[in-house]
Amino acid sequence: MLMVERVARKLQELAKRNGRQFYVNWQDYTKDAKAILEVIQEPDWEMLSAVARLDADAPKHAQIGGRGYWRAMIAVVLEEGPSGGA
């Protein structure tokens, strides 16, 4: 499943769960999903710092790779909370 579809399906699920009107087809959320992904396309300072910490903590022989970097950056964002600060 592509990321756009995953985000679109999550938007649909959240609308259903919160008792709001929702589109029957997840494809109707694609435009909103793409807009969200555009926002997170450019990492902020905290996200880049998380990658730097990950690199500093990793043993020299370890291969962290893109998935580890991505997860570290998103974890920082999820910890921020709605006010932008932890």
C-alpha atoms as a PDB file:
ATOM      1  CA  MET A   1       0.000   0.000   0.000  1.00  0.00           C
ATOM      2  CA  LEU A   2       1.442   3.368  -0.990  1.00  0.00           C
ATOM      3  CA  MET A   3       1.872   6.143   1.578  1.00  0.00           C
ATOM      4  CA  VAL A   4      -0.804   8.336  -0.023  1.00  0.00           C
ATOM      5  CA  GLU A   5      -3.311   5.504   0.298  1.00  0.00           C
ATOM      6  CA  ARG A   6      -2.291   4.815   3.894  1.00  0.00           C
ATOM      7  CA  VAL A   7      -2.781   8.455   4.879  1.00  0.00           C
ATOM      8  CA  ALA A   8      -6.068   8.695   2.960  1.00  0.00           C
ATOM      9  CA  ARG A   9      -7.394   5.578   4.683  1.00  0.00           C
ATOM     10  CA  LYS A  10      -6.355   6.982   8.075  1.00  0.00           C
ATOM     11  CA  LEU A  11      -8.184  10.249   7.374  1.00  0.00           C
ATOM     12  CA  GLN A  12     -11.308   8.269   6.477  1.00  0.00           C
ATOM     13  CA  GLU A  13     -10.967   6.151   9.628  1.00  0.00           C
ATOM     14  CA  LEU A  14     -10.593   9.240  11.826  1.00  0.00           C
ATOM     15  CA  ALA A  15     -13.664  10.856  10.316  1.00  0.00           C
ATOM     16  CA  LYS A  16     -15.699   7.685  10.967  1.00  0.00           C
ATOM     17  CA  ARG A  17     -14.353   7.286  14.500  1.00  0.00           C
ATOM     18  CA  ASN A  18     -15.140  10.881  15.429  1.00  0.00           C
ATOM     19  CA  GLY A  19     -18.714  10.567  14.229  1.00  0.00           C
ATOM     20  CA  ARG A  20     -18.279  13.107  11.440  1.00  0.00           C
ATOM     21  CA  GLN A  21     -19.650  12.767   7.958  1.00  0.00           C
ATOM     22  CA  PHE A  22     -17.194  10.845   5.853  1.00  0.00           C
ATOM     23  CA  TYR A  23     -16.640   9.775   2.278  1.00  0.00           C
ATOM     24  CA  VAL A  24     -17.389   6.128   1.534  1.00  0.00           C
ATOM     25  CA  ASN A  25     -14.297   5.739  -0.653  1.00  0.00           C
ATOM     26  CA  TRP A  26     -10.849   6.335   0.768  1.00  0.00           C
ATOM     27  CA  GLN A  27      -9.829   7.693  -2.668  1.00  0.00           C
ATOM     28  CA  ASP A  28     -11.855  10.811  -1.883  1.00  0.00           C
ATOM     29  CA  TYR A  29      -9.254  11.631   0.793  1.00  0.00           C
ATOM     30  CA  THR A  30      -6.288  11.455  -1.610  1.00  0.00           C
ATOM     31  CA  LYS A  31      -6.049  15.223  -2.129  1.00  0.00           C
ATOM     32  CA  ASP A  32      -5.941  15.834   1.645  1.00  0.00           C
ATOM     33  CA  ALA A  33      -3.446  13.010   2.109  1.00  0.00           C
ATOM     34  CA  LYS A  34      -1.115  14.520  -0.486  1.00  0.00           C
ATOM     35  CA  ALA A  35      -1.392  17.923   1.207  1.00  0.00           C
ATOM     36  CA  ILE A  36      -0.328  16.371   4.519  1.00  0.00           C
ATOM     37  CA  LEU A  37       2.595  14.579   2.905  1.00  0.00           C
ATOM     38  CA  GLU A  38       3.715  17.824   1.264  1.00  0.00           C
ATOM     39  CA  VAL A  39       3.973  19.386   4.727  1.00  0.00           C
ATOM     40  CA  ILE A  40       6.195  16.619   6.103  1.00  0.00           C
ATOM     41  CA  GLN A  41       8.304  16.428   2.952  1.00  0.00           C
ATOM     42  CA  GLU A  42      10.703  19.049   4.294  1.00  0.00           C
ATOM     43  CA  PRO A  43      12.128  18.038   7.702  1.00  0.00           C
ATOM     44  CA  ASP A  44      12.324  20.627  10.446  1.00  0.00           C
ATOM     45  CA  TRP A  45      15.284  21.230  12.757  1.00  0.00           C
ATOM     46  CA  GLU A  46      14.108  18.757  15.387  1.00  0.00           C
ATOM     47  CA  MET A  47      13.755  16.025  12.788  1.00  0.00           C
ATOM     48  CA  LEU A  48      17.268  16.642  11.471  1.00  0.00           C
ATOM     49  CA  SER A  49      18.598  16.682  15.028  1.00  0.00           C
ATOM     50  CA  ALA A  50      17.011  13.282  15.661  1.00  0.00           C
ATOM     51  CA  VAL A  51      18.949  11.864  12.713  1.00  0.00           C
ATOM     52  CA  ALA A  52      22.171  13.404  14.005  1.00  0.00           C
ATOM     53  CA  ARG A  53      21.573  11.815  17.433  1.00  0.00           C
ATOM     54  CA  LEU A  54      20.844   8.487  15.786  1.00  0.00           C
ATOM     55  CA  ASP A  55      24.121   8.670  13.886  1.00  0.00           C
ATOM     56  CA  ALA A  56      26.033   9.652  17.014  1.00  0.00           C
ATOM     57  CA  ASP A  57      24.566   6.782  19.044  1.00  0.00           C
ATOM     58  CA  ALA A  58      25.062   4.099  16.399  1.00  0.00           C
ATOM     59  CA  PRO A  59      28.100   1.857  16.449  1.00  0.00           C
ATOM     60  CA  LYS A  60      30.469   2.616  13.604  1.00  0.00           C
ATOM     61  CA  HIS A  61      29.713  -0.717  11.931  1.00  0.00           C
ATOM     62  CA  ALA A  62      25.910  -0.359  12.060  1.00  0.00           C
ATOM     63  CA  GLN A  63      23.921   0.434   8.954  1.00  0.00           C
ATOM     64  CA  ILE A  64      20.959   2.564  10.034  1.00  0.00           C
ATOM     65  CA  GLY A  65      19.598   3.332   6.586  1.00  0.00           C
ATOM     66  CA  GLY A  66      16.690   5.417   5.385  1.00  0.00           C
ATOM     67  CA  ARG A  67      13.966   3.627   7.344  1.00  0.00           C
ATOM     68  CA  GLY A  68      15.737   4.235  10.651  1.00  0.00           C
ATOM     69  CA  TYR A  69      16.236   7.903   9.819  1.00  0.00           C
ATOM     70  CA  TRP A  70      12.613   8.303   8.753  1.00  0.00           C
ATOM     71  CA  ARG A  71      11.295   6.650  11.924  1.00  0.00           C
ATOM     72  CA  ALA A  72      13.540   8.782  14.126  1.00  0.00           C
ATOM     73  CA  MET A  73      12.360  11.980  12.435  1.00  0.00           C
ATOM     74  CA  ILE A  74       8.681  11.076  12.629  1.00  0.00           C
ATOM     75  CA  ALA A  75       9.029   9.964  16.274  1.00  0.00           C
ATOM     76  CA  VAL A  76      10.278  13.447  17.156  1.00  0.00           C
ATOM     77  CA  VAL A  77       7.314  15.038  15.404  1.00  0.00           C
ATOM     78  CA  LEU A  78       4.840  12.773  17.195  1.00  0.00           C
ATOM     79  CA  GLU A  79       6.383  13.691  20.551  1.00  0.00           C
ATOM     80  CA  GLU A  80       5.993  17.450  19.905  1.00  0.00           C
ATOM     81  CA  GLY A  81       2.293  17.592  20.624  1.00  0.00           C
ATOM     82  CA  PRO A  82      -0.136  20.212  19.351  1.00  0.00           C
ATOM     83  CA  SER A  83       1.765  23.221  20.717  1.00  0.00           C
ATOM     84  CA  GLY A  84       4.945  22.383  18.832  1.00  0.00           C
ATOM     85  CA  GLY A  85       6.974  21.737  21.987  1.00  0.00           C
ATOM     86  CA  ALA A  86       7.480  18.639  24.053  1.00  0.00           C
END
